[in-house]
Amino acid sequence: MDYPGGDGPVPGAREALERLLLDGPRRYTRLDVGRLAGMPPERTQRLWRALGFPDAADDDPAFTDADVAALGVLSELIDSGFVDPDSEASIARAMGQSLSRLADWQTDMLADVLLRGAPEGEGPADTTERAVEAARTLLPRLREVQDYVWRRHLVANVDRLLAATGPGDRRELAVGFADLVGYTSRSRGMAGRELGAMVENFEGTAAEVIARHHGRVVKTVGDGVLFTAGSATDAAEIGLELPHAWDATDRPPLRVGAAYGAVLTRLGDVYSPVVNLASRLTSLARPGALLVDRELADRVRGLPGYRARPLRRVSVRGYDHLQPWLIRRSRTADAGPGEDADSGYDEDAFDVEGDDAEE
């Protein structure tokens, strides 16, 4: 941590916070940790890298008792059969990536707390003491909240747990992307704080709408969000409501694409040609519109409240003669978010050959 107005870290702050966070001082080298945990050095190094940390020199005492204990727990999980030795690095990588982002946010939050409460004229020693005290007070509370949220997410997946029939998790799901149109050009002219506020608002709006309709945010990448939903109607509701909820004159418009089919979920991510198809449909969608594939369109066609119409076939990378379907609210539906919004498409743009012309 830097002392306000100073040129570098506050003396002693780093060591004091590390002792608090790591349950003790750094005292072991990489080779020591492997020996104490009963693991080959190359295996501990592979796991360390998978967690997202840089290599430590063989003679660098960079590790603590907590590192030894964590490797001991992992060994117990492997011996019990809960963790497959072949997948331990993948599990470590998934955990490292998720928790790294959480740690980044919590670090910023703790820094804000310290800056807001810093008395005028406070010296380095006082700042160090306040930093350690704030961490000592807040971190146990954060750990409690994290544990609660983790357990609630496990409960939300209990049906998948009980229905598991084999390794992996292949299911029928709707996969969707929501993408900010013109994000790159707009973000170039924005100050850092302004850009951060827009991204935060976008992620918050997306998370709220997706959760409201029983979906799950898989990941966000600045100008876009990847989500899944258990049913085509849930995906349609997300795709129709999200552009409406986000719409404002000072925000870039939003477009959504979605597809339905067999998806493999693994370590929190999703893998399938369905994911690629949803991405392509998103790139074709006009601002404010929801484009879907034939499979998802077939599942909502004829349902009260929806209109599904085919657009002209197009060729995009990986797909020849792809036919997008435009989903809108029915004109007879009750008023609601995204109802019959101006999608930028007119009736002459539709390819209405044969049965595809049916709504």
Protein backbone atom coordinates (compact mmCIF):
# COMPACT_ATOMS: atom_id res chain seq x y z
CA MET A 1 0.00 0.00 0.00
CA ASP A 2 1.25 3.51 -0.81
CA TYR A 3 1.19 6.31 1.71
CA PRO A 4 -0.86 9.26 0.36
CA GLY A 5 1.57 11.83 -0.99
CA GLY A 6 4.56 9.50 -0.57
CA ASP A 7 6.79 7.77 -3.07
CA GLY A 8 6.37 4.12 -2.16
CA PRO A 9 4.91 1.49 0.13
CA VAL A 10 4.36 2.35 3.77
CA PRO A 11 7.21 0.80 5.83
CA GLY A 12 6.07 -2.40 7.51
CA ALA A 13 2.59 -2.38 5.95
CA ARG A 14 3.30 -5.16 3.47
CA GLU A 15 4.82 -7.48 6.06
CA ALA A 16 2.05 -6.84 8.58
CA LEU A 17 -0.74 -7.47 6.07
CA GLU A 18 0.97 -10.59 4.71
CA ARG A 19 1.26 -12.07 8.19
CA LEU A 20 -2.43 -11.42 8.75
CA LEU A 21 -3.58 -12.78 5.39
CA LEU A 22 -1.24 -15.78 5.23
CA ASP A 23 -1.51 -16.78 8.89
CA GLY A 24 2.17 -16.24 9.54
CA PRO A 25 5.47 -15.13 8.03
CA ARG A 26 7.05 -16.41 4.83
CA ARG A 27 9.51 -19.07 5.89
CA TYR A 28 9.59 -21.92 3.35
CA THR A 29 11.06 -22.27 -0.12
CA ARG A 30 9.24 -24.02 -2.95
CA LEU A 31 11.27 -27.15 -2.30
CA ASP A 32 10.44 -27.02 1.42
CA VAL A 33 6.72 -26.82 0.70
CA GLY A 34 6.82 -29.83 -1.59
CA ARG A 35 8.78 -31.86 0.96
CA LEU A 36 6.51 -30.97 3.89
CA ALA A 37 3.35 -31.62 1.87
CA GLY A 38 4.69 -34.85 0.42
CA MET A 39 4.51 -33.66 -3.20
CA PRO A 40 7.16 -33.63 -5.93
CA PRO A 41 8.54 -30.10 -6.56
CA GLU A 42 7.42 -30.10 -10.19
CA ARG A 43 3.86 -30.80 -9.09
CA THR A 44 3.77 -27.96 -6.56
CA GLN A 45 5.20 -25.63 -9.22
CA ARG A 46 2.54 -26.68 -11.72
CA LEU A 47 -0.23 -26.02 -9.21
CA TRP A 48 1.30 -22.68 -8.21
CA ARG A 49 1.33 -21.55 -11.84
CA ALA A 50 -2.20 -22.82 -12.38
CA LEU A 51 -3.36 -20.63 -9.50
CA GLY A 52 -1.96 -17.65 -11.42
CA PHE A 53 1.20 -16.89 -9.42
CA PRO A 54 4.70 -16.35 -10.84
CA ASP A 55 7.49 -18.82 -10.12
CA ALA A 56 9.51 -18.42 -6.94
CA ALA A 57 13.23 -19.08 -6.97
CA ASP A 58 14.32 -22.33 -5.34
CA ASP A 59 16.05 -20.45 -2.51
CA ASP A 60 13.31 -17.82 -2.01
CA PRO A 61 11.39 -18.27 1.31
CA ALA A 62 8.12 -17.14 -0.28
CA PHE A 63 5.72 -19.62 1.36
CA THR A 64 4.02 -19.99 4.72
CA ASP A 65 2.41 -22.62 6.90
CA ALA A 66 -0.88 -21.86 5.14
CA ASP A 67 0.63 -22.96 1.80
CA VAL A 68 1.78 -26.25 3.30
CA ALA A 69 -1.63 -26.83 4.89
CA ALA A 70 -3.46 -26.08 1.61
CA LEU A 71 -1.38 -28.63 -0.28
CA GLY A 72 -2.07 -31.14 2.48
CA VAL A 73 -5.82 -30.64 2.06
CA LEU A 74 -5.48 -31.08 -1.69
CA SER A 75 -3.63 -34.36 -1.15
CA GLU A 76 -6.46 -35.56 1.09
CA LEU A 77 -9.06 -34.66 -1.57
CA ILE A 78 -7.12 -36.58 -4.20
CA ASP A 79 -6.67 -39.60 -1.92
CA SER A 80 -10.42 -39.58 -1.21
CA GLY A 81 -11.21 -39.67 -4.94
CA PHE A 82 -13.01 -36.31 -4.86
CA VAL A 83 -10.36 -34.65 -7.05
CA ASP A 84 -8.93 -36.51 -10.04
CA PRO A 85 -5.13 -36.09 -10.17
CA ASP A 86 -5.41 -35.41 -13.91
CA SER A 87 -7.78 -32.48 -13.32
CA GLU A 88 -6.16 -30.86 -10.27
CA ALA A 89 -4.37 -28.20 -12.35
CA SER A 90 -7.58 -27.34 -14.22
CA ILE A 91 -9.44 -26.96 -10.94
CA ALA A 92 -6.65 -24.78 -9.54
CA ARG A 93 -6.72 -22.62 -12.66
CA ALA A 94 -10.49 -22.11 -12.50
CA MET A 95 -10.33 -21.21 -8.81
CA GLY A 96 -7.35 -18.91 -9.31
CA GLN A 97 -9.01 -16.96 -12.12
CA SER A 98 -12.29 -16.51 -10.24
CA LEU A 99 -10.73 -15.57 -6.91
CA SER A 100 -8.14 -13.27 -8.48
CA ARG A 101 -10.92 -11.04 -9.76
CA LEU A 102 -12.62 -11.11 -6.39
CA ALA A 103 -9.36 -10.18 -4.66
CA ASP A 104 -8.84 -7.26 -7.07
CA TRP A 105 -12.24 -5.85 -6.16
CA GLN A 106 -11.71 -6.35 -2.42
CA THR A 107 -8.29 -4.66 -2.56
CA ASP A 108 -9.84 -1.61 -4.22
CA MET A 109 -12.60 -1.58 -1.61
CA LEU A 110 -10.16 -1.73 1.30
CA ALA A 111 -8.07 1.06 -0.25
CA ASP A 112 -11.17 3.24 -0.56
CA VAL A 113 -12.02 2.61 3.10
CA LEU A 114 -8.54 3.69 4.16
CA LEU A 115 -8.48 6.81 1.99
CA ARG A 116 -11.93 7.93 3.16
CA GLY A 117 -10.95 7.56 6.80
CA ALA A 118 -7.42 8.99 6.62
CA PRO A 119 -7.04 11.91 9.06
CA GLU A 120 -5.18 14.95 7.79
CA GLY A 121 -1.49 14.82 8.64
CA GLU A 122 -1.47 11.09 9.43
CA GLY A 123 1.99 9.54 9.37
CA PRO A 124 3.16 6.26 7.82
CA ALA A 125 3.08 4.33 11.10
CA ASP A 126 -0.53 5.39 11.74
CA THR A 127 -1.52 4.43 8.19
CA THR A 128 0.06 0.99 8.61
CA GLU A 129 -1.81 0.41 11.85
CA ARG A 130 -5.13 1.47 10.32
CA ALA A 131 -4.56 -0.73 7.26
CA VAL A 132 -3.88 -3.81 9.36
CA GLU A 133 -6.78 -3.07 11.69
CA ALA A 134 -9.18 -2.55 8.77
CA ALA A 135 -8.09 -5.85 7.25
CA ARG A 136 -8.38 -7.64 10.59
CA THR A 137 -11.94 -6.33 11.03
CA LEU A 138 -13.30 -6.62 7.50
CA LEU A 139 -11.70 -9.77 6.08
CA PRO A 140 -13.48 -12.24 8.41
CA ARG A 141 -16.80 -10.64 7.40
CA LEU A 142 -15.91 -10.93 3.73
CA ARG A 143 -14.99 -14.58 4.26
CA GLU A 144 -18.39 -15.23 5.88
CA VAL A 145 -20.23 -13.61 2.97
CA GLN A 146 -18.16 -15.53 0.42
CA ASP A 147 -18.90 -18.80 2.19
CA TYR A 148 -22.62 -18.01 2.24
CA VAL A 149 -22.76 -17.08 -1.47
CA TRP A 150 -20.78 -20.19 -2.40
CA ARG A 151 -23.16 -22.45 -0.47
CA ARG A 152 -26.21 -20.76 -2.02
CA HIS A 153 -24.78 -21.39 -5.49
CA LEU A 154 -24.28 -25.04 -4.57
CA VAL A 155 -27.94 -25.19 -3.53
CA ALA A 156 -28.94 -23.61 -6.85
CA ASN A 157 -27.16 -26.49 -8.60
CA VAL A 158 -28.52 -29.28 -6.42
CA ASP A 159 -30.78 -30.59 -9.21
CA ARG A 160 -27.75 -31.01 -11.45
CA LEU A 161 -25.96 -32.79 -8.61
CA LEU A 162 -28.79 -35.27 -8.08
CA ALA A 163 -29.24 -35.84 -11.82
CA ALA A 164 -25.53 -36.46 -12.52
CA THR A 165 -25.05 -39.70 -14.42
CA GLY A 166 -21.42 -39.55 -15.46
CA PRO A 167 -18.28 -37.42 -15.76
CA GLY A 168 -18.73 -33.91 -17.09
CA ASP A 169 -22.04 -32.16 -17.46
CA ARG A 170 -23.65 -32.14 -20.89
CA ARG A 171 -27.06 -30.50 -20.91
CA GLU A 172 -29.57 -28.81 -23.17
CA LEU A 173 -29.22 -25.08 -22.57
CA ALA A 174 -29.78 -21.72 -24.18
CA VAL A 175 -26.55 -19.74 -24.55
CA GLY A 176 -26.59 -16.01 -25.16
CA PHE A 177 -24.29 -13.04 -25.64
CA ALA A 178 -25.16 -9.42 -24.90
CA ASP A 179 -22.81 -6.97 -26.58
CA LEU A 180 -22.39 -3.19 -26.33
CA VAL A 181 -22.48 -1.69 -29.83
CA GLY A 182 -19.67 0.77 -30.57
CA TYR A 183 -17.99 0.20 -27.21
CA THR A 184 -14.43 0.48 -28.54
CA SER A 185 -14.86 3.85 -30.24
CA ARG A 186 -16.88 5.29 -27.38
CA SER A 187 -14.49 4.09 -24.68
CA ARG A 188 -11.51 5.86 -26.32
CA GLY A 189 -12.95 9.24 -25.40
CA MET A 190 -13.91 8.37 -21.83
CA ALA A 191 -11.93 9.05 -18.67
CA GLY A 192 -10.96 6.03 -16.59
CA ARG A 193 -13.50 6.68 -13.86
CA GLU A 194 -16.29 7.29 -16.37
CA LEU A 195 -15.46 4.11 -18.28
CA GLY A 196 -15.30 2.12 -15.05
CA ALA A 197 -18.72 3.42 -14.01
CA MET A 198 -20.26 2.47 -17.36
CA VAL A 199 -18.81 -1.05 -17.24
CA GLU A 200 -19.99 -1.46 -13.64
CA ASN A 201 -23.50 -0.29 -14.57
CA PHE A 202 -23.58 -2.64 -17.55
CA GLU A 203 -22.47 -5.66 -15.55
CA GLY A 204 -24.92 -4.81 -12.77
CA THR A 205 -27.85 -4.40 -15.15
CA ALA A 206 -26.99 -7.61 -16.99
CA ALA A 207 -26.60 -9.61 -13.78
CA GLU A 208 -29.96 -8.38 -12.45
CA VAL A 209 -31.92 -9.13 -15.62
CA ILE A 210 -30.28 -12.52 -16.16
CA ALA A 211 -30.88 -13.61 -12.57
CA ARG A 212 -34.49 -12.41 -12.66
CA HIS A 213 -35.17 -14.84 -15.51
CA HIS A 214 -33.38 -17.83 -13.96
CA GLY A 215 -30.23 -17.46 -16.08
CA ARG A 216 -26.58 -17.57 -15.08
CA VAL A 217 -23.79 -15.17 -15.95
CA VAL A 218 -20.91 -17.30 -17.20
CA LYS A 219 -18.45 -14.43 -17.64
CA THR A 220 -18.17 -10.78 -18.59
CA VAL A 221 -15.55 -9.29 -20.90
CA GLY A 222 -15.70 -5.49 -20.76
CA ASP A 223 -18.20 -4.86 -23.54
CA GLY A 224 -20.09 -8.13 -23.37
CA VAL A 225 -21.59 -10.80 -21.18
CA LEU A 226 -22.01 -14.53 -21.82
CA PHE A 227 -25.00 -16.14 -20.14
CA THR A 228 -26.93 -19.39 -20.09
CA ALA A 229 -30.57 -20.17 -19.39
CA GLY A 230 -32.34 -23.45 -18.78
CA SER A 231 -35.18 -22.78 -21.21
CA ALA A 232 -35.70 -20.98 -24.50
CA THR A 233 -38.36 -18.74 -22.98
CA ASP A 234 -36.00 -17.63 -20.20
CA ALA A 235 -33.37 -16.81 -22.81
CA ALA A 236 -35.93 -14.90 -24.88
CA GLU A 237 -37.03 -12.88 -21.86
CA ILE A 238 -33.41 -12.00 -21.06
CA GLY A 239 -32.70 -11.05 -24.66
CA LEU A 240 -35.79 -8.87 -24.95
CA GLU A 241 -35.59 -7.18 -21.57
CA LEU A 242 -31.86 -6.50 -21.33
CA PRO A 243 -31.57 -3.94 -24.17
CA HIS A 244 -34.64 -2.16 -22.78
CA ALA A 245 -33.30 -2.10 -19.21
CA TRP A 246 -29.94 -0.78 -20.41
CA ASP A 247 -31.31 1.81 -22.84
CA ALA A 248 -30.36 5.44 -22.10
CA THR A 249 -29.23 8.38 -24.21
CA ASP A 250 -25.74 8.43 -22.67
CA ARG A 251 -25.12 4.69 -23.14
CA PRO A 252 -24.10 2.65 -26.20
CA PRO A 253 -26.96 0.44 -27.42
CA LEU A 254 -27.05 -3.27 -26.68
CA ARG A 255 -27.64 -6.23 -28.98
CA VAL A 256 -28.24 -9.87 -28.06
CA GLY A 257 -27.82 -13.21 -29.80
CA ALA A 258 -28.80 -16.63 -28.46
CA ALA A 259 -28.88 -20.28 -29.51
CA TYR A 260 -30.16 -23.51 -28.01
CA GLY A 261 -28.63 -26.99 -27.89
CA ALA A 262 -26.31 -29.44 -26.17
CA VAL A 263 -23.68 -27.70 -24.04
CA LEU A 264 -20.83 -29.04 -21.92
CA THR A 265 -20.38 -27.12 -18.69
CA ARG A 266 -16.94 -27.51 -17.15
CA LEU A 267 -15.25 -25.62 -14.32
CA GLY A 268 -17.80 -22.84 -14.56
CA ASP A 269 -17.44 -22.30 -18.32
CA VAL A 270 -19.49 -23.58 -21.27
CA TYR A 271 -18.26 -25.33 -24.41
CA SER A 272 -20.23 -26.17 -27.53
CA PRO A 273 -20.79 -25.12 -31.14
CA VAL A 274 -23.92 -23.51 -29.66
CA VAL A 275 -21.65 -20.94 -27.96
CA ASN A 276 -20.02 -20.04 -31.27
CA LEU A 277 -23.40 -19.83 -32.97
CA ALA A 278 -24.72 -17.44 -30.32
CA SER A 279 -21.63 -15.27 -30.79
CA ARG A 280 -22.14 -15.09 -34.57
CA LEU A 281 -25.81 -14.20 -34.15
CA THR A 282 -24.88 -11.41 -31.76
CA SER A 283 -22.48 -9.93 -34.30
CA LEU A 284 -25.31 -9.88 -36.87
CA ALA A 285 -27.91 -8.28 -34.59
CA ARG A 286 -28.77 -4.62 -34.90
CA PRO A 287 -28.86 -2.37 -31.82
CA GLY A 288 -31.73 -3.27 -29.52
CA ALA A 289 -32.51 -6.53 -31.31
CA LEU A 290 -32.51 -10.19 -30.29
CA LEU A 291 -31.44 -12.72 -32.93
CA VAL A 292 -31.64 -16.47 -32.29
CA ASP A 293 -31.06 -19.74 -34.12
CA ARG A 294 -33.73 -21.99 -35.58
CA GLU A 295 -33.74 -24.32 -32.56
CA LEU A 296 -34.49 -21.55 -30.07
CA ALA A 297 -36.99 -19.91 -32.42
CA ASP A 298 -38.91 -23.17 -32.78
CA ARG A 299 -39.25 -23.36 -29.00
CA VAL A 300 -40.89 -19.94 -28.69
CA ARG A 301 -42.86 -19.79 -31.96
CA GLY A 302 -46.55 -19.86 -31.26
CA LEU A 303 -46.17 -19.13 -27.55
CA PRO A 304 -48.29 -16.23 -26.29
CA GLY A 305 -46.34 -13.00 -26.15
CA TYR A 306 -43.68 -13.72 -28.80
CA ARG A 307 -43.19 -13.13 -32.51
CA ALA A 308 -40.52 -15.13 -34.33
CA ARG A 309 -39.64 -14.23 -37.90
CA PRO A 310 -36.78 -15.48 -40.11
CA LEU A 311 -34.35 -13.01 -41.69
CA ARG A 312 -32.39 -13.47 -44.89
CA ARG A 313 -29.73 -16.15 -44.82
CA VAL A 314 -26.15 -14.94 -44.48
CA SER A 315 -22.67 -16.46 -44.51
CA VAL A 316 -20.41 -15.79 -41.56
CA ARG A 317 -17.19 -17.37 -40.34
CA GLY A 318 -17.89 -21.03 -39.66
CA TYR A 319 -21.46 -20.97 -40.99
CA ASP A 320 -22.68 -20.97 -44.58
CA HIS A 321 -26.24 -19.83 -45.22
CA LEU A 322 -26.99 -19.13 -41.57
CA GLN A 323 -30.57 -18.01 -41.04
CA PRO A 324 -31.09 -15.74 -38.05
CA TRP A 325 -34.50 -15.43 -36.45
CA LEU A 326 -35.70 -12.15 -35.00
CA ILE A 327 -37.61 -12.47 -31.72
CA ARG A 328 -39.93 -9.66 -30.64
CA ARG A 329 -42.87 -9.29 -28.34
CA SER A 330 -46.30 -9.98 -29.76
CA ARG A 331 -48.34 -6.92 -30.58
CA THR A 332 -51.13 -8.40 -28.49
CA ALA A 333 -48.92 -9.07 -25.46
CA ASP A 334 -49.33 -7.08 -22.29
CA ALA A 335 -47.02 -4.10 -22.04
CA GLY A 336 -43.62 -5.07 -20.76
CA PRO A 337 -39.90 -4.46 -21.16
CA GLY A 338 -38.84 -4.51 -24.79
CA GLU A 339 -42.36 -4.81 -26.19
CA ASP A 340 -42.31 -4.57 -29.98
CA ALA A 341 -39.35 -2.22 -29.80
CA ASP A 342 -37.91 -0.74 -32.98
CA SER A 343 -35.42 -3.44 -33.88
CA GLY A 344 -34.10 -1.72 -36.98
CA TYR A 345 -35.62 -4.37 -39.26
CA ASP A 346 -38.53 -3.80 -41.62
CA GLU A 347 -40.84 -6.40 -43.06
CA ASP A 348 -39.07 -6.30 -46.46
CA ALA A 349 -35.93 -7.66 -44.77
CA PHE A 350 -37.61 -10.95 -43.94
CA ASP A 351 -37.13 -14.10 -45.96
CA VAL A 352 -40.65 -15.54 -45.88
CA GLU A 353 -40.39 -18.73 -47.87
CA GLY A 354 -42.53 -21.71 -47.04
CA ASP A 355 -43.20 -22.73 -43.45
CA ASP A 356 -40.60 -20.30 -42.12
CA ALA A 357 -43.09 -17.51 -42.70
CA GLU A 358 -45.29 -18.79 -39.88
CA GLU A 359 -45.15 -16.91 -36.58
